[in-house]
Structures are given as structure tokens and as C-alpha cells.
Amino acid sequence: MAQPTLVLEVEYGLTVRRGTRVRRVQFGDGYEQVVPDGANTDMRTYDIRTVPISDIQAQALDDDLSALSGDFFYAQFFQDDAQYKYRLFPNEWSWQSLGPNSNIVSFSCRRHYDARE
């Protein structure tokens, strides 16, 4: 089964956290050695908050996120040069009701390296 692609509109408050995964070895004399941890060391985490969306759109997004069941999805976010695999991090999201037919869905996802297509 093909993995889903997530496409959404997000508010200007989209936050990206970037880093490099490294291994650290500390020695008793205060010396420290740092090296890249593995072949895929680029870490990206996005904190996403949708623009206000209707009840139907919020329910559809809730269903899509629930259907992932912890698996990855494809997405291309701000600062991405292509579509990458992402996984909810942690595996949860929030649905805030602002009033009649107005909702905001928020979640975080982290770039995921997986050999599956």
C-alpha cells in the first residue's frame, strides 16, 4: 500500500527545528569527541498549526492522521527542496474548536529515514 502525502495550509507560525544527529564521547579529563551519527544525520522537526478550518476539513485531517497508525507520510514543508518522509513526533495531535465550524489542528512531525517506498 502506498504511503499518503500530506498537503495542508499552515499559518505563518510554522516552526522548523533543525539539527545534526551526532555521537559524543566524553573523557574524564574534560576532553570530548563529537562525530556524525550514521549516514542520515540531518534532523528536521516541524511544529504545524493549520489555519482555521471547517468541521469537515478538521474531521478529514483527524481521520488521515489517525489512519497513519504511527507510520510515515510524505510532505514538502517550508525549507524542503523535495518531498520527504515524515512521522508524527510524538504520535499525537490536537484539535481545537474555536467556535461554530472553525477549528485548528496542531501537531509536530520529524523527518524520517525509511527504505520503503
PDB file of N, CA and C in Angstrom:
ATOM      1  N   MET A   1       0.837  -1.176   0.000  1.00  0.00           N
ATOM      2  CA  MET A   1       0.000   0.000   0.000  1.00  0.00           C
ATOM      3  C   MET A   1       0.885   1.243   0.000  1.00  0.00           C
ATOM      4  N   ALA A   2       0.559   2.195  -0.849  1.00  0.00           N
ATOM      5  CA  ALA A   2       1.350   3.422  -0.956  1.00  0.00           C
ATOM      6  C   ALA A   2       1.110   4.320   0.251  1.00  0.00           C
ATOM      7  N   GLN A   3       2.158   4.965   0.693  1.00  0.00           N
ATOM      8  CA  GLN A   3       2.052   5.870   1.832  1.00  0.00           C
ATOM      9  C   GLN A   3       1.394   7.176   1.389  1.00  0.00           C
ATOM     10  N   PRO A   4       0.613   7.814   2.270  1.00  0.00           N
ATOM     11  CA  PRO A   4      -0.081   9.045   1.905  1.00  0.00           C
ATOM     12  C   PRO A   4       0.857  10.242   1.817  1.00  0.00           C
ATOM     13  N   THR A   5       0.394  11.251   1.080  1.00  0.00           N
ATOM     14  CA  THR A   5       1.070  12.542   1.018  1.00  0.00           C
ATOM     15  C   THR A   5       0.191  13.538   1.735  1.00  0.00           C
ATOM     16  N   LEU A   6       0.750  14.267   2.666  1.00  0.00           N
ATOM     17  CA  LEU A   6       0.003  15.246   3.447  1.00  0.00           C
ATOM     18  C   LEU A   6       0.199  16.617   2.825  1.00  0.00           C
ATOM     19  N   VAL A   7      -0.909  17.265   2.479  1.00  0.00           N
ATOM     20  CA  VAL A   7      -0.868  18.616   1.920  1.00  0.00           C
ATOM     21  C   VAL A   7      -1.782  19.475   2.763  1.00  0.00           C
ATOM     22  N   LEU A   8      -1.258  20.538   3.370  1.00  0.00           N
ATOM     23  CA  LEU A   8      -2.090  21.445   4.143  1.00  0.00           C
ATOM     24  C   LEU A   8      -1.626  22.867   4.055  1.00  0.00           C
ATOM     25  N   GLU A   9      -2.567  23.745   4.401  1.00  0.00           N
ATOM     26  CA  GLU A   9      -2.237  25.154   4.522  1.00  0.00           C
ATOM     27  C   GLU A   9      -1.875  25.401   5.972  1.00  0.00           C
ATOM     28  N   VAL A  10      -0.828  26.137   6.192  1.00  0.00           N
ATOM     29  CA  VAL A  10      -0.399  26.399   7.570  1.00  0.00           C
ATOM     30  C   VAL A  10      -0.285  27.891   7.799  1.00  0.00           C
ATOM     31  N   GLU A  11      -0.452  28.282   9.048  1.00  0.00           N
ATOM     32  CA  GLU A  11      -0.299  29.686   9.406  1.00  0.00           C
ATOM     33  C   GLU A  11       1.160  30.096   9.304  1.00  0.00           C
ATOM     34  N   TYR A  12       1.392  31.374   9.349  1.00  0.00           N
ATOM     35  CA  TYR A  12       2.750  31.905   9.293  1.00  0.00           C
ATOM     36  C   TYR A  12       3.578  31.470  10.481  1.00  0.00           C
ATOM     37  N   GLY A  13       2.955  30.886  11.501  1.00  0.00           N
ATOM     38  CA  GLY A  13       3.667  30.470  12.705  1.00  0.00           C
ATOM     39  C   GLY A  13       4.330  29.105  12.598  1.00  0.00           C
ATOM     40  N   LEU A  14       4.428  28.557  11.409  1.00  0.00           N
ATOM     41  CA  LEU A  14       5.100  27.265  11.227  1.00  0.00           C
ATOM     42  C   LEU A  14       6.521  27.361  11.774  1.00  0.00           C
ATOM     43  N   THR A  15       6.896  26.402  12.596  1.00  0.00           N
ATOM     44  CA  THR A  15       8.225  26.401  13.198  1.00  0.00           C
ATOM     45  C   THR A  15       9.000  25.188  12.718  1.00  0.00           C
ATOM     46  N   VAL A  16      10.226  25.412  12.283  1.00  0.00           N
ATOM     47  CA  VAL A  16      11.107  24.301  11.915  1.00  0.00           C
ATOM     48  C   VAL A  16      12.277  24.282  12.890  1.00  0.00           C
ATOM     49  N   ARG A  17      12.571  23.095  13.379  1.00  0.00           N
ATOM     50  CA  ARG A  17      13.752  22.899  14.226  1.00  0.00           C
ATOM     51  C   ARG A  17      14.690  21.988  13.460  1.00  0.00           C
ATOM     52  N   ARG A  18      15.921  22.437  13.281  1.00  0.00           N
ATOM     53  CA  ARG A  18      16.898  21.666  12.519  1.00  0.00           C
ATOM     54  C   ARG A  18      18.095  21.347  13.376  1.00  0.00           C
ATOM     55  N   GLY A  19      18.756  20.261  13.035  1.00  0.00           N
ATOM     56  CA  GLY A  19      19.950  19.879  13.763  1.00  0.00           C
ATOM     57  C   GLY A  19      20.652  18.749  13.043  1.00  0.00           C
ATOM     58  N   THR A  20      21.743  18.320  13.619  1.00  0.00           N
ATOM     59  CA  THR A  20      22.513  17.201  13.090  1.00  0.00           C
ATOM     60  C   THR A  20      22.673  16.181  14.202  1.00  0.00           C
ATOM     61  N   ARG A  21      22.344  14.939  13.894  1.00  0.00           N
ATOM     62  CA  ARG A  21      22.491  13.879  14.890  1.00  0.00           C
ATOM     63  C   ARG A  21      23.972  13.521  15.009  1.00  0.00           C
ATOM     64  N   VAL A  22      24.478  13.564  16.234  1.00  0.00           N
ATOM     65  CA  VAL A  22      25.893  13.280  16.487  1.00  0.00           C
ATOM     66  C   VAL A  22      26.042  12.324  17.663  1.00  0.00           C
ATOM     67  N   ARG A  23      27.202  11.727  17.748  1.00  0.00           N
ATOM     68  CA  ARG A  23      27.582  10.916  18.910  1.00  0.00           C
ATOM     69  C   ARG A  23      28.657  11.677  19.660  1.00  0.00           C
ATOM     70  N   ARG A  24      28.535  11.665  20.975  1.00  0.00           N
ATOM     71  CA  ARG A  24      29.509  12.340  21.821  1.00  0.00           C
ATOM     72  C   ARG A  24      30.172  11.327  22.742  1.00  0.00           C
ATOM     73  N   VAL A  25      31.471  11.439  22.840  1.00  0.00           N
ATOM     74  CA  VAL A  25      32.226  10.621  23.792  1.00  0.00           C
ATOM     75  C   VAL A  25      32.973  11.599  24.684  1.00  0.00           C
ATOM     76  N   GLN A  26      32.697  11.513  25.977  1.00  0.00           N
ATOM     77  CA  GLN A  26      33.360  12.403  26.926  1.00  0.00           C
ATOM     78  C   GLN A  26      34.355  11.609  27.750  1.00  0.00           C
ATOM     79  N   PHE A  27      35.502  12.191  27.914  1.00  0.00           N
ATOM     80  CA  PHE A  27      36.563  11.558  28.678  1.00  0.00           C
ATOM     81  C   PHE A  27      36.690  12.259  30.027  1.00  0.00           C
ATOM     82  N   GLY A  28      37.253  11.596  30.984  1.00  0.00           N
ATOM     83  CA  GLY A  28      37.346  12.107  32.341  1.00  0.00           C
ATOM     84  C   GLY A  28      38.128  13.395  32.493  1.00  0.00           C
ATOM     85  N   ASP A  29      39.015  13.702  31.551  1.00  0.00           N
ATOM     86  CA  ASP A  29      39.838  14.904  31.690  1.00  0.00           C
ATOM     87  C   ASP A  29      39.188  16.137  31.051  1.00  0.00           C
ATOM     88  N   GLY A  30      37.878  16.029  30.687  1.00  0.00           N
ATOM     89  CA  GLY A  30      37.189  17.157  30.082  1.00  0.00           C
ATOM     90  C   GLY A  30      37.234  17.153  28.565  1.00  0.00           C
ATOM     91  N   TYR A  31      38.021  16.277  27.977  1.00  0.00           N
ATOM     92  CA  TYR A  31      38.114  16.175  26.518  1.00  0.00           C
ATOM     93  C   TYR A  31      36.844  15.527  25.995  1.00  0.00           C
ATOM     94  N   GLU A  32      36.374  15.993  24.846  1.00  0.00           N
ATOM     95  CA  GLU A  32      35.161  15.459  24.234  1.00  0.00           C
ATOM     96  C   GLU A  32      35.393  15.253  22.746  1.00  0.00           C
ATOM     97  N   GLN A  33      34.891  14.152  22.215  1.00  0.00           N
ATOM     98  CA  GLN A  33      34.987  13.883  20.790  1.00  0.00           C
ATOM     99  C   GLN A  33      33.569  13.786  20.235  1.00  0.00           C
ATOM    100  N   VAL A  34      33.299  14.481  19.135  1.00  0.00           N
ATOM    101  CA  VAL A  34      31.973  14.511  18.517  1.00  0.00           C
ATOM    102  C   VAL A  34      32.104  14.076  17.057  1.00  0.00           C
ATOM    103  N   VAL A  35      31.263  13.108  16.649  1.00  0.00           N
ATOM    104  CA  VAL A  35      31.277  12.632  15.262  1.00  0.00           C
ATOM    105  C   VAL A  35      29.832  12.482  14.781  1.00  0.00           C
ATOM    106  N   PRO A  36      29.594  12.602  13.453  1.00  0.00           N
ATOM    107  CA  PRO A  36      28.248  12.370  12.924  1.00  0.00           C
ATOM    108  C   PRO A  36      27.764  10.961  13.274  1.00  0.00           C
ATOM    109  N   ASP A  37      26.463  10.832  13.560  1.00  0.00           N
ATOM    110  CA  ASP A  37      25.874   9.553  13.953  1.00  0.00           C
ATOM    111  C   ASP A  37      25.132   8.948  12.766  1.00  0.00           C
ATOM    112  N   GLY A  38      25.809   8.137  11.989  1.00  0.00           N
ATOM    113  CA  GLY A  38      25.182   7.444  10.868  1.00  0.00           C
ATOM    114  C   GLY A  38      25.270   8.206   9.559  1.00  0.00           C
ATOM    115  N   ALA A  39      24.594   7.664   8.544  1.00  0.00           N
ATOM    116  CA  ALA A  39      24.640   8.241   7.209  1.00  0.00           C
ATOM    117  C   ALA A  39      23.632   9.376   7.039  1.00  0.00           C
ATOM    118  N   ASN A  40      22.499   9.288   7.702  1.00  0.00           N
ATOM    119  CA  ASN A  40      21.439  10.293   7.570  1.00  0.00           C
ATOM    120  C   ASN A  40      21.351  11.103   8.855  1.00  0.00           C
ATOM    121  N   THR A  41      22.149  12.143   8.938  1.00  0.00           N
ATOM    122  CA  THR A  41      22.273  12.888  10.188  1.00  0.00           C
ATOM    123  C   THR A  41      21.419  14.153  10.235  1.00  0.00           C
ATOM    124  N   ASP A  42      20.816  14.541   9.105  1.00  0.00           N
ATOM    125  CA  ASP A  42      20.004  15.760   9.051  1.00  0.00           C
ATOM    126  C   ASP A  42      18.697  15.531   9.797  1.00  0.00           C
ATOM    127  N   MET A  43      18.459  16.315  10.856  1.00  0.00           N
ATOM    128  CA  MET A  43      17.229  16.201  11.624  1.00  0.00           C
ATOM    129  C   MET A  43      16.375  17.444  11.378  1.00  0.00           C
ATOM    130  N   ARG A  44      15.109  17.233  11.020  1.00  0.00           N
ATOM    131  CA  ARG A  44      14.159  18.333  10.847  1.00  0.00           C
ATOM    132  C   ARG A  44      12.883  17.978  11.581  1.00  0.00           C
ATOM    133  N   THR A  45      12.422  18.898  12.395  1.00  0.00           N
ATOM    134  CA  THR A  45      11.147  18.730  13.082  1.00  0.00           C
ATOM    135  C   THR A  45      10.317  19.966  12.809  1.00  0.00           C
ATOM    136  N   TYR A  46       9.069  19.769  12.413  1.00  0.00           N
ATOM    137  CA  TYR A  46       8.157  20.867  12.131  1.00  0.00           C
ATOM    138  C   TYR A  46       7.025  20.865  13.150  1.00  0.00           C
ATOM    139  N   ASP A  47       6.747  22.029  13.720  1.00  0.00           N
ATOM    140  CA  ASP A  47       5.574  22.242  14.557  1.00  0.00           C
ATOM    141  C   ASP A  47       4.553  22.935  13.664  1.00  0.00           C
ATOM    142  N   ILE A  48       3.424  22.291  13.443  1.00  0.00           N
ATOM    143  CA  ILE A  48       2.453  22.737  12.454  1.00  0.00           C
ATOM    144  C   ILE A  48       1.143  23.101  13.127  1.00  0.00           C
ATOM    145  N   ARG A  49       0.579  24.203  12.683  1.00  0.00           N
ATOM    146  CA  ARG A  49      -0.719  24.668  13.170  1.00  0.00           C
ATOM    147  C   ARG A  49      -1.501  25.124  11.944  1.00  0.00           C
ATOM    148  N   THR A  50      -2.638  24.482  11.680  1.00  0.00           N
ATOM    149  CA  THR A  50      -3.413  24.839  10.495  1.00  0.00           C
ATOM    150  C   THR A  50      -4.062  26.203  10.664  1.00  0.00           C
ATOM    151  N   VAL A  51      -4.413  26.789   9.547  1.00  0.00           N
ATOM    152  CA  VAL A  51      -5.284  27.970   9.581  1.00  0.00           C
ATOM    153  C   VAL A  51      -6.641  27.480  10.059  1.00  0.00           C
ATOM    154  N   PRO A  52      -7.530  28.358  10.504  1.00  0.00           N
ATOM    155  CA  PRO A  52      -8.863  27.878  10.896  1.00  0.00           C
ATOM    156  C   PRO A  52      -9.532  27.128   9.733  1.00  0.00           C
ATOM    157  N   ILE A  53      -9.995  25.925  10.024  1.00  0.00           N
ATOM    158  CA  ILE A  53     -10.612  25.081   9.008  1.00  0.00           C
ATOM    159  C   ILE A  53     -11.996  24.631   9.484  1.00  0.00           C
ATOM    160  N   SER A  54     -12.809  24.204   8.540  1.00  0.00           N
ATOM    161  CA  SER A  54     -14.185  23.799   8.841  1.00  0.00           C
ATOM    162  C   SER A  54     -14.209  22.479   9.611  1.00  0.00           C
ATOM    163  N   ASP A  55     -15.385  22.155  10.150  1.00  0.00           N
ATOM    164  CA  ASP A  55     -15.556  20.889  10.856  1.00  0.00           C
ATOM    165  C   ASP A  55     -15.246  19.709   9.944  1.00  0.00           C
ATOM    166  N   ILE A  56     -15.699  19.764   8.704  1.00  0.00           N
ATOM    167  CA  ILE A  56     -15.477  18.666   7.753  1.00  0.00           C
ATOM    168  C   ILE A  56     -13.992  18.506   7.457  1.00  0.00           C
ATOM    169  N   GLN A  57     -13.277  19.627   7.238  1.00  0.00           N
ATOM    170  CA  GLN A  57     -11.833  19.563   6.977  1.00  0.00           C
ATOM    171  C   GLN A  57     -11.078  19.051   8.198  1.00  0.00           C
ATOM    172  N   ALA A  58     -11.465  19.496   9.380  1.00  0.00           N
ATOM    173  CA  ALA A  58     -10.794  19.046  10.606  1.00  0.00           C
ATOM    174  C   ALA A  58     -11.023  17.552  10.816  1.00  0.00           C
ATOM    175  N   GLN A  59     -12.246  17.078  10.555  1.00  0.00           N
ATOM    176  CA  GLN A  59     -12.532  15.652  10.706  1.00  0.00           C
ATOM    177  C   GLN A  59     -11.735  14.833   9.702  1.00  0.00           C
ATOM    178  N   ALA A  60     -11.611  15.333   8.464  1.00  0.00           N
ATOM    179  CA  ALA A  60     -10.840  14.619   7.440  1.00  0.00           C
ATOM    180  C   ALA A  60      -9.362  14.550   7.827  1.00  0.00           C
ATOM    181  N   LEU A  61      -8.801  15.654   8.329  1.00  0.00           N
ATOM    182  CA  LEU A  61      -7.398  15.662   8.747  1.00  0.00           C
ATOM    183  C   LEU A  61      -7.205  14.747   9.956  1.00  0.00           C
ATOM    184  N   ASP A  62      -8.139  14.778  10.896  1.00  0.00           N
ATOM    185  CA  ASP A  62      -8.081  13.896  12.055  1.00  0.00           C
ATOM    186  C   ASP A  62      -8.098  12.431  11.610  1.00  0.00           C
ATOM    187  N   ASP A  63      -8.962  12.109  10.659  1.00  0.00           N
ATOM    188  CA  ASP A  63      -9.029  10.735  10.128  1.00  0.00           C
ATOM    189  C   ASP A  63      -7.720  10.344   9.448  1.00  0.00           C
ATOM    190  N   ASP A  64      -7.144  11.278   8.658  1.00  0.00           N
ATOM    191  CA  ASP A  64      -5.881  10.994   7.961  1.00  0.00           C
ATOM    192  C   ASP A  64      -4.748  10.747   8.955  1.00  0.00           C
ATOM    193  N   LEU A  65      -4.648  11.581   9.980  1.00  0.00           N
ATOM    194  CA  LEU A  65      -3.588  11.413  10.974  1.00  0.00           C
ATOM    195  C   LEU A  65      -3.782  10.126  11.767  1.00  0.00           C
ATOM    196  N   SER A  66      -5.019   9.801  12.077  1.00  0.00           N
ATOM    197  CA  SER A  66      -5.310   8.567  12.799  1.00  0.00           C
ATOM    198  C   SER A  66      -4.978   7.334  11.962  1.00  0.00           C
ATOM    199  N   ALA A  67      -5.257   7.410  10.659  1.00  0.00           N
ATOM    200  CA  ALA A  67      -5.009   6.275   9.766  1.00  0.00           C
ATOM    201  C   ALA A  67      -3.521   5.955   9.616  1.00  0.00           C
ATOM    202  N   LEU A  68      -2.655   6.924   9.918  1.00  0.00           N
ATOM    203  CA  LEU A  68      -1.216   6.664   9.828  1.00  0.00           C
ATOM    204  C   LEU A  68      -0.791   5.564  10.793  1.00  0.00           C
ATOM    205  N   SER A  69      -1.436   5.477  11.921  1.00  0.00           N
ATOM    206  CA  SER A  69      -1.122   4.469  12.945  1.00  0.00           C
ATOM    207  C   SER A  69       0.377   4.407  13.247  1.00  0.00           C
ATOM    208  N   GLY A  70       0.996   5.573  13.334  1.00  0.00           N
ATOM    209  CA  GLY A  70       2.409   5.639  13.675  1.00  0.00           C
ATOM    210  C   GLY A  70       3.353   5.513  12.501  1.00  0.00           C
ATOM    211  N   ASP A  71       2.826   5.274  11.294  1.00  0.00           N
ATOM    212  CA  ASP A  71       3.688   5.119  10.123  1.00  0.00           C
ATOM    213  C   ASP A  71       4.027   6.490   9.529  1.00  0.00           C
ATOM    214  N   PHE A  72       4.853   6.520   8.502  1.00  0.00           N
ATOM    215  CA  PHE A  72       5.286   7.777   7.909  1.00  0.00           C
ATOM    216  C   PHE A  72       4.329   8.252   6.822  1.00  0.00           C
ATOM    217  N   PHE A  73       4.498   9.518   6.439  1.00  0.00           N
ATOM    218  CA  PHE A  73       3.771  10.106   5.315  1.00  0.00           C
ATOM    219  C   PHE A  73       4.757  10.984   4.552  1.00  0.00           C
ATOM    220  N   TYR A  74       4.411  11.313   3.331  1.00  0.00           N
ATOM    221  CA  TYR A  74       5.227  12.214   2.515  1.00  0.00           C
ATOM    222  C   TYR A  74       4.701  13.636   2.656  1.00  0.00           C
ATOM    223  N   ALA A  75       5.612  14.602   2.699  1.00  0.00           N
ATOM    224  CA  ALA A  75       5.224  16.011   2.746  1.00  0.00           C
ATOM    225  C   ALA A  75       6.401  16.859   2.278  1.00  0.00           C
ATOM    226  N   GLN A  76       6.080  18.053   1.819  1.00  0.00           N
ATOM    227  CA  GLN A  76       7.110  19.038   1.486  1.00  0.00           C
ATOM    228  C   GLN A  76       6.748  20.314   2.211  1.00  0.00           C
ATOM    229  N   PHE A  77       7.528  20.656   3.219  1.00  0.00           N
ATOM    230  CA  PHE A  77       7.286  21.824   4.030  1.00  0.00           C
ATOM    231  C   PHE A  77       8.244  22.941   3.625  1.00  0.00           C
ATOM    232  N   PHE A  78       8.012  24.098   4.224  1.00  0.00           N
ATOM    233  CA  PHE A  78       8.894  25.245   4.058  1.00  0.00           C
ATOM    234  C   PHE A  78      10.330  24.804   4.320  1.00  0.00           C
ATOM    235  N   GLN A  79      11.265  25.215   3.555  1.00  0.00           N
ATOM    236  CA  GLN A  79      12.689  24.879   3.641  1.00  0.00           C
ATOM    237  C   GLN A  79      13.012  23.492   3.096  1.00  0.00           C
ATOM    238  N   ASP A  80      12.026  22.724   2.649  1.00  0.00           N
ATOM    239  CA  ASP A  80      12.303  21.440   1.999  1.00  0.00           C
ATOM    240  C   ASP A  80      12.449  21.675   0.507  1.00  0.00           C
ATOM    241  N   ASP A  81      13.448  21.045  -0.104  1.00  0.00           N
ATOM    242  CA  ASP A  81      13.641  21.189  -1.544  1.00  0.00           C
ATOM    243  C   ASP A  81      12.941  20.075  -2.326  1.00  0.00           C
ATOM    244  N   ALA A  82      12.362  19.112  -1.631  1.00  0.00           N
ATOM    245  CA  ALA A  82      11.646  17.995  -2.251  1.00  0.00           C
ATOM    246  C   ALA A  82      10.718  17.391  -1.209  1.00  0.00           C
ATOM    247  N   GLN A  83       9.941  16.394  -1.631  1.00  0.00           N
ATOM    248  CA  GLN A  83       9.115  15.675  -0.669  1.00  0.00           C
ATOM    249  C   GLN A  83       9.986  14.720   0.126  1.00  0.00           C
ATOM    250  N   TYR A  84       9.754  14.681   1.432  1.00  0.00           N
ATOM    251  CA  TYR A  84      10.483  13.776   2.303  1.00  0.00           C
ATOM    252  C   TYR A  84       9.497  12.967   3.133  1.00  0.00           C
ATOM    253  N   LYS A  85       9.999  11.947   3.771  1.00  0.00           N
ATOM    254  CA  LYS A  85       9.189  11.133   4.670  1.00  0.00           C
ATOM    255  C   LYS A  85       9.206  11.772   6.051  1.00  0.00           C
ATOM    256  N   TYR A  86       8.037  11.872   6.644  1.00  0.00           N
ATOM    257  CA  TYR A  86       7.892  12.417   7.983  1.00  0.00           C
ATOM    258  C   TYR A  86       7.029  11.478   8.812  1.00  0.00           C
ATOM    259  N   ARG A  87       7.217  11.547  10.109  1.00  0.00           N
ATOM    260  CA  ARG A  87       6.429  10.767  11.061  1.00  0.00           C
ATOM    261  C   ARG A  87       5.988  11.723  12.171  1.00  0.00           C
ATOM    262  N   LEU A  88       4.751  11.563  12.663  1.00  0.00           N
ATOM    263  CA  LEU A  88       4.305  12.381  13.785  1.00  0.00           C
ATOM    264  C   LEU A  88       5.252  12.185  14.952  1.00  0.00           C
ATOM    265  N   PHE A  89       5.591  13.282  15.631  1.00  0.00           N
ATOM    266  CA  PHE A  89       6.543  13.199  16.729  1.00  0.00           C
ATOM    267  C   PHE A  89       6.114  14.131  17.853  1.00  0.00           C
ATOM    268  N   PRO A  90       5.635  13.654  18.968  1.00  0.00           N
ATOM    269  CA  PRO A  90       5.289  12.255  19.205  1.00  0.00           C
ATOM    270  C   PRO A  90       4.038  11.900  18.402  1.00  0.00           C
ATOM    271  N   ASN A  91       3.605  10.693  18.476  1.00  0.00           N
ATOM    272  CA  ASN A  91       2.478  10.226  17.663  1.00  0.00           C
ATOM    273  C   ASN A  91       1.154  10.742  18.242  1.00  0.00           C
ATOM    274  N   GLU A  92       0.960  12.076  18.164  1.00  0.00           N
ATOM    275  CA  GLU A  92      -0.255  12.706  18.670  1.00  0.00           C
ATOM    276  C   GLU A  92      -0.483  14.045  17.995  1.00  0.00           C
ATOM    277  N   TRP A  93      -1.713  14.547  18.094  1.00  0.00           N
ATOM    278  CA  TRP A  93      -2.078  15.834  17.526  1.00  0.00           C
ATOM    279  C   TRP A  93      -3.207  16.412  18.369  1.00  0.00           C
ATOM    280  N   SER A  94      -3.471  17.697  18.198  1.00  0.00           N
ATOM    281  CA  SER A  94      -4.554  18.320  18.955  1.00  0.00           C
ATOM    282  C   SER A  94      -5.538  18.973  17.987  1.00  0.00           C
ATOM    283  N   TRP A  95      -6.800  18.982  18.401  1.00  0.00           N
ATOM    284  CA  TRP A  95      -7.882  19.565  17.617  1.00  0.00           C
ATOM    285  C   TRP A  95      -8.559  20.580  18.513  1.00  0.00           C
ATOM    286  N   GLN A  96      -8.441  21.850  18.173  1.00  0.00           N
ATOM    287  CA  GLN A  96      -9.014  22.924  18.978  1.00  0.00           C
ATOM    288  C   GLN A  96     -10.226  23.493  18.254  1.00  0.00           C
ATOM    289  N   SER A  97     -11.374  23.508  18.926  1.00  0.00           N
ATOM    290  CA  SER A  97     -12.590  24.090  18.363  1.00  0.00           C
ATOM    291  C   SER A  97     -12.641  25.561  18.760  1.00  0.00           C
ATOM    292  N   LEU A  98     -12.690  26.447  17.753  1.00  0.00           N
ATOM    293  CA  LEU A  98     -12.715  27.881  18.017  1.00  0.00           C
ATOM    294  C   LEU A  98     -14.139  28.416  18.109  1.00  0.00           C
ATOM    295  N   GLY A  99     -15.065  27.654  17.628  1.00  0.00           N
ATOM    296  CA  GLY A  99     -16.457  28.085  17.591  1.00  0.00           C
ATOM    297  C   GLY A  99     -17.174  27.320  16.498  1.00  0.00           C
ATOM    298  N   PRO A 100     -18.339  27.801  16.095  1.00  0.00           N
ATOM    299  CA  PRO A 100     -19.100  27.094  15.064  1.00  0.00           C
ATOM    300  C   PRO A 100     -18.299  26.960  13.760  1.00  0.00           C
ATOM    301  N   ASN A 101     -18.053  25.727  13.363  1.00  0.00           N
ATOM    302  CA  ASN A 101     -17.399  25.405  12.093  1.00  0.00           C
ATOM    303  C   ASN A 101     -16.033  26.071  11.927  1.00  0.00           C
ATOM    304  N   SER A 102     -15.282  26.217  13.009  1.00  0.00           N
ATOM    305  CA  SER A 102     -13.944  26.804  12.962  1.00  0.00           C
ATOM    306  C   SER A 102     -13.041  26.039  13.923  1.00  0.00           C
ATOM    307  N   ASN A 103     -11.997  25.406  13.377  1.00  0.00           N
ATOM    308  CA  ASN A 103     -11.125  24.520  14.145  1.00  0.00           C
ATOM    309  C   ASN A 103      -9.676  24.718  13.741  1.00  0.00           C
ATOM    310  N   ILE A 104      -8.793  24.433  14.675  1.00  0.00           N
ATOM    311  CA  ILE A 104      -7.353  24.431  14.382  1.00  0.00           C
ATOM    312  C   ILE A 104      -6.803  23.078  14.812  1.00  0.00           C
ATOM    313  N   VAL A 105      -6.057  22.450  13.919  1.00  0.00           N
ATOM    314  CA  VAL A 105      -5.403  21.180  14.220  1.00  0.00           C
ATOM    315  C   VAL A 105      -3.903  21.449  14.293  1.00  0.00           C
ATOM    316  N   SER A 106      -3.263  20.959  15.360  1.00  0.00           N
ATOM    317  CA  SER A 106      -1.828  21.177  15.573  1.00  0.00           C
ATOM    318  C   SER A 106      -1.123  19.847  15.796  1.00  0.00           C
ATOM    319  N   PHE A 107       0.093  19.745  15.271  1.00  0.00           N
ATOM    320  CA  PHE A 107       0.898  18.554  15.501  1.00  0.00           C
ATOM    321  C   PHE A 107       2.352  18.849  15.153  1.00  0.00           C
ATOM    322  N   SER A 108       3.231  17.953  15.555  1.00  0.00           N
ATOM    323  CA  SER A 108       4.644  18.040  15.194  1.00  0.00           C
ATOM    324  C   SER A 108       5.020  16.788  14.427  1.00  0.00           C
ATOM    325  N   CYS A 109       5.942  16.946  13.513  1.00  0.00           N
ATOM    326  CA  CYS A 109       6.432  15.779  12.777  1.00  0.00           C
ATOM    327  C   CYS A 109       7.933  15.922  12.579  1.00  0.00           C
ATOM    328  N   ARG A 110       8.584  14.789  12.466  1.00  0.00           N
ATOM    329  CA  ARG A 110      10.041  14.737  12.316  1.00  0.00           C
ATOM    330  C   ARG A 110      10.390  13.984  11.044  1.00  0.00           C
ATOM    331  N   ARG A 111      11.407  14.469  10.343  1.00  0.00           N
ATOM    332  CA  ARG A 111      11.874  13.783   9.134  1.00  0.00           C
ATOM    333  C   ARG A 111      12.294  12.368   9.504  1.00  0.00           C
ATOM    334  N   HIS A 112      11.895  11.440   8.650  1.00  0.00           N
ATOM    335  CA  HIS A 112      12.092  10.020   8.944  1.00  0.00           C
ATOM    336  C   HIS A 112      12.833   9.367   7.781  1.00  0.00           C
ATOM    337  N   TYR A 113      13.799   8.550   8.078  1.00  0.00           N
ATOM    338  CA  TYR A 113      14.558   7.823   7.068  1.00  0.00           C
ATOM    339  C   TYR A 113      14.081   6.387   7.067  1.00  0.00           C
ATOM    340  N   ASP A 114      13.573   5.922   5.932  1.00  0.00           N
ATOM    341  CA  ASP A 114      12.973   4.595   5.825  1.00  0.00           C
ATOM    342  C   ASP A 114      13.217   4.120   4.394  1.00  0.00           C
ATOM    343  N   ALA A 115      13.669   2.901   4.219  1.00  0.00           N
ATOM    344  CA  ALA A 115      13.991   2.375   2.894  1.00  0.00           C
ATOM    345  C   ALA A 115      12.752   2.057   2.072  1.00  0.00           C
ATOM    346  N   ARG A 116      11.591   1.929   2.717  1.00  0.00           N
ATOM    347  CA  ARG A 116      10.373   1.617   1.970  1.00  0.00           C
ATOM    348  C   ARG A 116       9.961   2.779   1.081  1.00  0.00           C
ATOM    349  N   GLU A 117       9.324   2.457  -0.023  1.00  0.00           N
ATOM    350  CA  GLU A 117       8.789   3.496  -0.914  1.00  0.00           C
ATOM    351  C   GLU A 117       7.408   3.774  -0.533  1.00  0.00           C
TER     352      GLU A 117
END
